[in-house]
Structure formats: C-alpha cells, structure tokens
Amino acid sequence: MPIETLDETARQILDAATKRFLHYGYGKTTMSEIASDCNMSTGNLYRYFPSKLDIAETFVRVLRSEQIELLKQSIETPASPAQKLRTLLHAKFRLAYERFHDRPKAYELATEVLLARPEVAVEWEEAEEAVIAGIVSEGERSGAFAVGESARTPRLIQDAVFRFTTPAVFHEGDCDSMASELDALIDFMLDALTCRAGKAAMQHA
C-alpha cells in the first residue's frame, strides 16, 4: 500500500503492528494478534494488508520518508557544503544508532524486510543519495569541491560510511566513540574533495 494513501484505519494497524514487532519480534507476531489489538477481525485486517510482510514493508517505507525529511531539515541552516555533508552524515548515523543499538527486535524487523523485499533497501539508498547529491553539487558549483566523477560521488560517500549507518551499529561500540570515528572518516573524504578543488583552482590561475 503506498504510504501516501494510508487512511486512519491503515495507520492504526501500522501502529499496532509496529508496537508488537518492536516488543515481541517480527517472527512471534501474528496477523490475528494485530487484528485483536485493532479491535477488528483478521479478515478485515487482510483487506488492508495482504500479509504481515506487507505491514512491515509499509512501516519501513514510512520510516524512510520520515528520515529523509529529518535529513533535509538537518542541513537547512546556512553552512558550507563541507559542514552540510558532515552534519548530514552525523544525523544519518545517529538516527541509525538510536533505531538499532541494543534493540534486537528492530534489527530483526529490518533484516526480515530487506531480505524479502530488497527493492525497499534500494529505494532508501536512492532517496538518501539524492540528498547527498544536492550537497555535492552545491560544493562543486561553489568551487569548494572538485568531484571528478560527480555522478558516482554520492554513492561512494554512502559506501564509505556504510558501517556507521546500517543495522551493524546494533552490536558495535558506544555512540560517542563511533561518532568520533565517523568524524575522522568525514575529514578524510573532505580532504580529498577540497584538495582536488585546490589543485583545480591552481590549474586555472
């Protein structure tokens, strides 16, 4: 079900299912339990969502939409392209950390959806890639960045920070330590982008 067409009942179902998924786990949640929580018959529940996986997928799609909006908001204030990229990647990391660290049921839910519906992960990556691409383009236009293969750069940035922004953070170190590691990685990427820009400026001088 497209998230744009979710009515009040569908959102009630989604809310009830999400609470069960995150408390009991995706595998231990049944459609009949979700229906009971919503005070409706199981048959009526199936009219809205053909399967438990469809509910879980819709939850992930709603989450993606909310996260993309939060990422966009994080870079709305005036800042250099370099600072915007740093702010965005830290926001992305912290959202992932808060969602998965010490929350095995959230990890289970994400794994189930992404294994069964890998296109959901692709769509999520493409939506975030578009936000990064906006920053990269701004940096290139201003002369702050010299990107090279600009079409590939946003995806390469995503690949570089993969460990910090996926369910892997569920079992890794504390937030501050990982944020410090992420900062070092961002410094490395920005050094490359700005060094290229400096060389390009010298060549045109």
C-alpha atoms as a PDB file:
ATOM      1  CA  MET A   1       0.000   0.000   0.000  1.00  0.00           C
ATOM      2  CA  PRO A   2       1.507   3.385  -0.988  1.00  0.00           C
ATOM      3  CA  ILE A   3       2.156   5.402   2.146  1.00  0.00           C
ATOM      4  CA  GLU A   4       0.510   8.449   0.560  1.00  0.00           C
ATOM      5  CA  THR A   5      -2.842   6.612   0.559  1.00  0.00           C
ATOM      6  CA  LEU A   6      -2.790   5.342   4.144  1.00  0.00           C
ATOM      7  CA  ASP A   7      -6.089   6.150   5.827  1.00  0.00           C
ATOM      8  CA  GLU A   8      -6.764   6.338   9.548  1.00  0.00           C
ATOM      9  CA  THR A   9      -7.515   2.611   9.876  1.00  0.00           C
ATOM     10  CA  ALA A  10      -4.383   1.612   7.969  1.00  0.00           C
ATOM     11  CA  ARG A  11      -2.295   3.848  10.212  1.00  0.00           C
ATOM     12  CA  GLN A  12      -3.938   2.316  13.293  1.00  0.00           C
ATOM     13  CA  ILE A  13      -2.989  -1.141  12.016  1.00  0.00           C
ATOM     14  CA  LEU A  14       0.532   0.026  11.281  1.00  0.00           C
ATOM     15  CA  ASP A  15       0.907   1.495  14.763  1.00  0.00           C
ATOM     16  CA  ALA A  16      -0.401  -1.651  16.488  1.00  0.00           C
ATOM     17  CA  ALA A  17       1.801  -3.933  14.388  1.00  0.00           C
ATOM     18  CA  THR A  18       4.889  -1.811  14.948  1.00  0.00           C
ATOM     19  CA  LYS A  19       4.446  -1.977  18.721  1.00  0.00           C
ATOM     20  CA  ARG A  20       4.255  -5.761  18.546  1.00  0.00           C
ATOM     21  CA  PHE A  21       7.163  -6.085  16.105  1.00  0.00           C
ATOM     22  CA  LEU A  22       9.432  -3.997  18.318  1.00  0.00           C
ATOM     23  CA  HIS A  23       8.340  -5.617  21.588  1.00  0.00           C
ATOM     24  CA  TYR A  24       7.802  -9.307  20.746  1.00  0.00           C
ATOM     25  CA  GLY A  25       9.666  -9.517  17.444  1.00  0.00           C
ATOM     26  CA  TYR A  26       8.522  -9.832  13.854  1.00  0.00           C
ATOM     27  CA  GLY A  27       8.637 -13.641  13.880  1.00  0.00           C
ATOM     28  CA  LYS A  28       6.494 -14.007  17.003  1.00  0.00           C
ATOM     29  CA  THR A  29       3.815 -11.550  15.892  1.00  0.00           C
ATOM     30  CA  THR A  30       0.718 -12.924  14.132  1.00  0.00           C
ATOM     31  CA  MET A  31      -1.895 -11.245  11.988  1.00  0.00           C
ATOM     32  CA  SER A  32      -4.617 -12.341  14.408  1.00  0.00           C
ATOM     33  CA  GLU A  33      -2.819 -10.581  17.286  1.00  0.00           C
ATOM     34  CA  ILE A  34      -2.531  -7.388  15.272  1.00  0.00           C
ATOM     35  CA  ALA A  35      -6.215  -7.603  14.359  1.00  0.00           C
ATOM     36  CA  SER A  36      -7.137  -8.102  18.011  1.00  0.00           C
ATOM     37  CA  ASP A  37      -5.114  -5.051  19.043  1.00  0.00           C
ATOM     38  CA  CYS A  38      -7.082  -3.035  16.477  1.00  0.00           C
ATOM     39  CA  ASN A  39     -10.454  -4.470  17.582  1.00  0.00           C
ATOM     40  CA  MET A  40     -11.141  -5.864  14.123  1.00  0.00           C
ATOM     41  CA  SER A  41     -11.464  -9.271  12.513  1.00  0.00           C
ATOM     42  CA  THR A  42      -8.468 -10.923  10.903  1.00  0.00           C
ATOM     43  CA  GLY A  43     -10.411 -10.931   7.631  1.00  0.00           C
ATOM     44  CA  ASN A  44     -10.835  -7.175   7.795  1.00  0.00           C
ATOM     45  CA  LEU A  45      -7.112  -6.767   8.510  1.00  0.00           C
ATOM     46  CA  TYR A  46      -6.297  -8.687   5.329  1.00  0.00           C
ATOM     47  CA  ARG A  47      -8.395  -6.200   3.365  1.00  0.00           C
ATOM     48  CA  TYR A  48      -5.833  -3.547   4.260  1.00  0.00           C
ATOM     49  CA  PHE A  49      -2.629  -5.587   4.211  1.00  0.00           C
ATOM     50  CA  PRO A  50      -2.335  -8.923   2.362  1.00  0.00           C
ATOM     51  CA  SER A  51       0.378 -10.175   4.714  1.00  0.00           C
ATOM     52  CA  LYS A  52       2.468  -9.414   7.776  1.00  0.00           C
ATOM     53  CA  LEU A  53       5.386  -8.685   5.466  1.00  0.00           C
ATOM     54  CA  ASP A  54       3.320  -6.013   3.697  1.00  0.00           C
ATOM     55  CA  ILE A  55       2.712  -4.321   7.043  1.00  0.00           C
ATOM     56  CA  ALA A  56       6.422  -4.452   7.872  1.00  0.00           C
ATOM     57  CA  GLU A  57       7.350  -3.089   4.448  1.00  0.00           C
ATOM     58  CA  THR A  58       4.921  -0.203   4.851  1.00  0.00           C
ATOM     59  CA  PHE A  59       6.423   0.564   8.257  1.00  0.00           C
ATOM     60  CA  VAL A  60       9.898   0.753   6.689  1.00  0.00           C
ATOM     61  CA  ARG A  61       8.626   2.974   3.856  1.00  0.00           C
ATOM     62  CA  VAL A  62       7.019   5.382   6.332  1.00  0.00           C
ATOM     63  CA  LEU A  63      10.224   5.373   8.369  1.00  0.00           C
ATOM     64  CA  ARG A  64      12.261   6.146   5.252  1.00  0.00           C
ATOM     65  CA  SER A  65      10.011   9.082   4.371  1.00  0.00           C
ATOM     66  CA  GLU A  66      10.341  10.488   7.897  1.00  0.00           C
ATOM     67  CA  GLN A  67      14.120  10.005   7.932  1.00  0.00           C
ATOM     68  CA  ILE A  68      14.622  11.718   4.569  1.00  0.00           C
ATOM     69  CA  GLU A  69      12.661  14.696   5.870  1.00  0.00           C
ATOM     70  CA  LEU A  70      14.797  14.811   9.036  1.00  0.00           C
ATOM     71  CA  LEU A  71      17.992  14.668   6.963  1.00  0.00           C
ATOM     72  CA  LYS A  72      16.796  17.521   4.770  1.00  0.00           C
ATOM     73  CA  GLN A  73      15.905  19.570   7.842  1.00  0.00           C
ATOM     74  CA  SER A  74      19.349  18.960   9.348  1.00  0.00           C
ATOM     75  CA  ILE A  75      21.013  20.885   6.508  1.00  0.00           C
ATOM     76  CA  GLU A  76      18.509  23.705   6.086  1.00  0.00           C
ATOM     77  CA  THR A  77      20.555  26.227   8.081  1.00  0.00           C
ATOM     78  CA  PRO A  78      23.212  28.286   6.235  1.00  0.00           C
ATOM     79  CA  ALA A  79      26.529  26.412   6.157  1.00  0.00           C
ATOM     80  CA  SER A  80      29.331  25.493   3.807  1.00  0.00           C
ATOM     81  CA  PRO A  81      28.922  22.352   1.666  1.00  0.00           C
ATOM     82  CA  ALA A  82      31.581  20.651   3.793  1.00  0.00           C
ATOM     83  CA  GLN A  83      29.713  21.415   7.015  1.00  0.00           C
ATOM     84  CA  LYS A  84      26.414  20.330   5.480  1.00  0.00           C
ATOM     85  CA  LEU A  85      27.922  16.998   4.470  1.00  0.00           C
ATOM     86  CA  ARG A  86      29.326  16.469   7.969  1.00  0.00           C
ATOM     87  CA  THR A  87      26.007  17.412   9.579  1.00  0.00           C
ATOM     88  CA  LEU A  88      24.043  15.145   7.260  1.00  0.00           C
ATOM     89  CA  LEU A  89      26.247  12.094   7.804  1.00  0.00           C
ATOM     90  CA  HIS A  90      26.201  12.542  11.569  1.00  0.00           C
ATOM     91  CA  ALA A  91      22.413  12.890  11.516  1.00  0.00           C
ATOM     92  CA  LYS A  92      22.174   9.714   9.432  1.00  0.00           C
ATOM     93  CA  PHE A  93      24.444   7.860  11.845  1.00  0.00           C
ATOM     94  CA  ARG A  94      22.591   8.978  14.974  1.00  0.00           C
ATOM     95  CA  LEU A  95      19.209   8.034  13.525  1.00  0.00           C
ATOM     96  CA  ALA A  96      20.521   4.553  12.728  1.00  0.00           C
ATOM     97  CA  TYR A  97      22.190   4.221  16.126  1.00  0.00           C
ATOM     98  CA  GLU A  98      19.066   5.226  18.029  1.00  0.00           C
ATOM     99  CA  ARG A  99      16.975   2.842  15.942  1.00  0.00           C
ATOM    100  CA  PHE A 100      19.123  -0.271  16.266  1.00  0.00           C
ATOM    101  CA  HIS A 101      21.595  -0.110  19.161  1.00  0.00           C
ATOM    102  CA  ASP A 102      20.508  -2.540  21.896  1.00  0.00           C
ATOM    103  CA  ARG A 103      17.218  -3.080  20.051  1.00  0.00           C
ATOM    104  CA  PRO A 104      17.407  -6.619  18.623  1.00  0.00           C
ATOM    105  CA  LYS A 105      13.731  -6.648  17.624  1.00  0.00           C
ATOM    106  CA  ALA A 106      14.255  -3.608  15.392  1.00  0.00           C
ATOM    107  CA  TYR A 107      17.257  -5.351  13.846  1.00  0.00           C
ATOM    108  CA  GLU A 108      15.161  -8.478  13.251  1.00  0.00           C
ATOM    109  CA  LEU A 109      12.384  -6.452  11.601  1.00  0.00           C
ATOM    110  CA  ALA A 110      14.767  -4.606   9.291  1.00  0.00           C
ATOM    111  CA  THR A 111      16.519  -7.834   8.315  1.00  0.00           C
ATOM    112  CA  GLU A 112      13.242  -9.612   7.500  1.00  0.00           C
ATOM    113  CA  VAL A 113      12.035  -6.790   5.260  1.00  0.00           C
ATOM    114  CA  LEU A 114      15.328  -6.176   3.473  1.00  0.00           C
ATOM    115  CA  LEU A 115      15.909  -9.866   2.757  1.00  0.00           C
ATOM    116  CA  ALA A 116      12.379 -10.450   1.464  1.00  0.00           C
ATOM    117  CA  ARG A 117      11.971  -7.094  -0.301  1.00  0.00           C
ATOM    118  CA  PRO A 118      15.473  -5.894  -1.310  1.00  0.00           C
ATOM    119  CA  GLU A 119      13.968  -3.199  -3.531  1.00  0.00           C
ATOM    120  CA  VAL A 120      12.990  -1.353  -0.350  1.00  0.00           C
ATOM    121  CA  ALA A 121      16.667  -1.002   0.579  1.00  0.00           C
ATOM    122  CA  VAL A 122      17.499   0.219  -2.931  1.00  0.00           C
ATOM    123  CA  GLU A 123      14.776   2.871  -2.763  1.00  0.00           C
ATOM    124  CA  TRP A 124      16.014   4.003   0.660  1.00  0.00           C
ATOM    125  CA  GLU A 125      19.588   4.310  -0.596  1.00  0.00           C
ATOM    126  CA  GLU A 126      18.474   6.229  -3.683  1.00  0.00           C
ATOM    127  CA  ALA A 127      16.436   8.691  -1.611  1.00  0.00           C
ATOM    128  CA  GLU A 128      19.399   9.401   0.683  1.00  0.00           C
ATOM    129  CA  GLU A 129      21.768   9.516  -2.283  1.00  0.00           C
ATOM    130  CA  ALA A 130      19.669  12.326  -3.770  1.00  0.00           C
ATOM    131  CA  VAL A 131      20.120  14.432  -0.611  1.00  0.00           C
ATOM    132  CA  ILE A 132      23.890  13.850  -0.648  1.00  0.00           C
ATOM    133  CA  ALA A 133      23.979  14.658  -4.363  1.00  0.00           C
ATOM    134  CA  GLY A 134      22.451  18.057  -3.632  1.00  0.00           C
ATOM    135  CA  ILE A 135      25.297  18.900  -1.249  1.00  0.00           C
ATOM    136  CA  VAL A 136      27.950  17.594  -3.644  1.00  0.00           C
ATOM    137  CA  SER A 137      26.501  19.665  -6.497  1.00  0.00           C
ATOM    138  CA  GLU A 138      26.427  22.762  -4.301  1.00  0.00           C
ATOM    139  CA  GLY A 139      30.076  22.220  -3.375  1.00  0.00           C
ATOM    140  CA  GLU A 140      31.042  21.732  -6.996  1.00  0.00           C
ATOM    141  CA  ARG A 141      29.218  24.885  -8.128  1.00  0.00           C
ATOM    142  CA  SER A 142      30.826  26.999  -5.400  1.00  0.00           C
ATOM    143  CA  GLY A 143      34.309  25.650  -6.060  1.00  0.00           C
ATOM    144  CA  ALA A 144      34.549  24.137  -2.576  1.00  0.00           C
ATOM    145  CA  PHE A 145      34.662  20.600  -4.018  1.00  0.00           C
ATOM    146  CA  ALA A 146      36.252  19.175  -7.138  1.00  0.00           C
ATOM    147  CA  VAL A 147      34.373  15.949  -7.523  1.00  0.00           C
ATOM    148  CA  GLY A 148      35.671  14.233 -10.625  1.00  0.00           C
ATOM    149  CA  GLU A 149      33.052  11.603 -11.471  1.00  0.00           C
ATOM    150  CA  SER A 150      30.288  13.611  -9.836  1.00  0.00           C
ATOM    151  CA  ALA A 151      27.515  11.159 -10.717  1.00  0.00           C
ATOM    152  CA  ARG A 152      29.209   8.401  -8.685  1.00  0.00           C
ATOM    153  CA  THR A 153      30.399  10.502  -5.748  1.00  0.00           C
ATOM    154  CA  PRO A 154      27.181  10.455  -3.632  1.00  0.00           C
ATOM    155  CA  ARG A 155      27.026   6.652  -3.800  1.00  0.00           C
ATOM    156  CA  LEU A 156      30.738   6.379  -2.976  1.00  0.00           C
ATOM    157  CA  ILE A 157      30.138   8.553   0.107  1.00  0.00           C
ATOM    158  CA  GLN A 158      27.309   6.233   1.144  1.00  0.00           C
ATOM    159  CA  ASP A 159      29.577   3.230   0.682  1.00  0.00           C
ATOM    160  CA  ALA A 160      32.313   4.853   2.769  1.00  0.00           C
ATOM    161  CA  VAL A 161      30.041   5.440   5.773  1.00  0.00           C
ATOM    162  CA  PHE A 162      28.159   2.136   5.433  1.00  0.00           C
ATOM    163  CA  ARG A 163      29.340   0.728   8.787  1.00  0.00           C
ATOM    164  CA  PHE A 164      28.061   3.769  10.643  1.00  0.00           C
ATOM    165  CA  THR A 165      24.601   3.901   9.135  1.00  0.00           C
ATOM    166  CA  THR A 166      23.267   0.338   8.976  1.00  0.00           C
ATOM    167  CA  PRO A 167      21.891  -2.187  11.492  1.00  0.00           C
ATOM    168  CA  ALA A 168      25.500  -3.217  12.168  1.00  0.00           C
ATOM    169  CA  VAL A 169      25.564  -0.456  14.797  1.00  0.00           C
ATOM    170  CA  PHE A 170      23.219  -2.695  16.815  1.00  0.00           C
ATOM    171  CA  HIS A 171      26.161  -4.605  18.263  1.00  0.00           C
ATOM    172  CA  GLU A 172      29.017  -2.130  17.975  1.00  0.00           C
ATOM    173  CA  GLY A 173      30.521   0.408  20.368  1.00  0.00           C
ATOM    174  CA  ASP A 174      29.133   3.411  22.185  1.00  0.00           C
ATOM    175  CA  CYS A 175      27.696   6.327  20.259  1.00  0.00           C
ATOM    176  CA  ASP A 176      30.404   8.875  21.114  1.00  0.00           C
ATOM    177  CA  SER A 177      33.261   6.575  20.083  1.00  0.00           C
ATOM    178  CA  MET A 178      31.622   5.730  16.784  1.00  0.00           C
ATOM    179  CA  ALA A 179      30.784   9.399  16.155  1.00  0.00           C
ATOM    180  CA  SER A 180      34.464  10.225  16.647  1.00  0.00           C
ATOM    181  CA  GLU A 181      35.448   7.516  14.139  1.00  0.00           C
ATOM    182  CA  LEU A 182      32.882   8.883  11.706  1.00  0.00           C
ATOM    183  CA  ASP A 183      34.336  12.374  12.083  1.00  0.00           C
ATOM    184  CA  ALA A 184      37.781  11.053  11.147  1.00  0.00           C
ATOM    185  CA  LEU A 185      36.344   9.365   8.073  1.00  0.00           C
ATOM    186  CA  ILE A 186      34.495  12.539   7.043  1.00  0.00           C
ATOM    187  CA  ASP A 187      37.745  14.507   7.456  1.00  0.00           C
ATOM    188  CA  PHE A 188      39.413  12.035   5.106  1.00  0.00           C
ATOM    189  CA  MET A 189      36.674  12.403   2.476  1.00  0.00           C
ATOM    190  CA  LEU A 190      36.590  16.197   2.736  1.00  0.00           C
ATOM    191  CA  ASP A 191      40.379  16.379   2.457  1.00  0.00           C
ATOM    192  CA  ALA A 192      40.117  14.561  -0.865  1.00  0.00           C
ATOM    193  CA  LEU A 193      37.271  16.744  -2.166  1.00  0.00           C
ATOM    194  CA  THR A 194      38.848  20.034  -1.112  1.00  0.00           C
ATOM    195  CA  CYS A 195      42.377  19.057  -2.181  1.00  0.00           C
ATOM    196  CA  ARG A 196      41.071  18.372  -5.663  1.00  0.00           C
ATOM    197  CA  ALA A 197      39.338  21.739  -5.608  1.00  0.00           C
ATOM    198  CA  GLY A 198      42.578  23.490  -4.618  1.00  0.00           C
ATOM    199  CA  LYS A 199      44.507  21.806  -7.418  1.00  0.00           C
ATOM    200  CA  ALA A 200      41.799  22.701  -9.921  1.00  0.00           C
ATOM    201  CA  ALA A 201      41.896  26.349  -8.821  1.00  0.00           C
ATOM    202  CA  MET A 202      45.706  26.457  -9.202  1.00  0.00           C
ATOM    203  CA  GLN A 203      45.497  24.974 -12.685  1.00  0.00           C
ATOM    204  CA  HIS A 204      43.074  27.695 -13.744  1.00  0.00           C
ATOM    205  CA  ALA A 205      45.009  30.522 -12.081  1.00  0.00           C
END
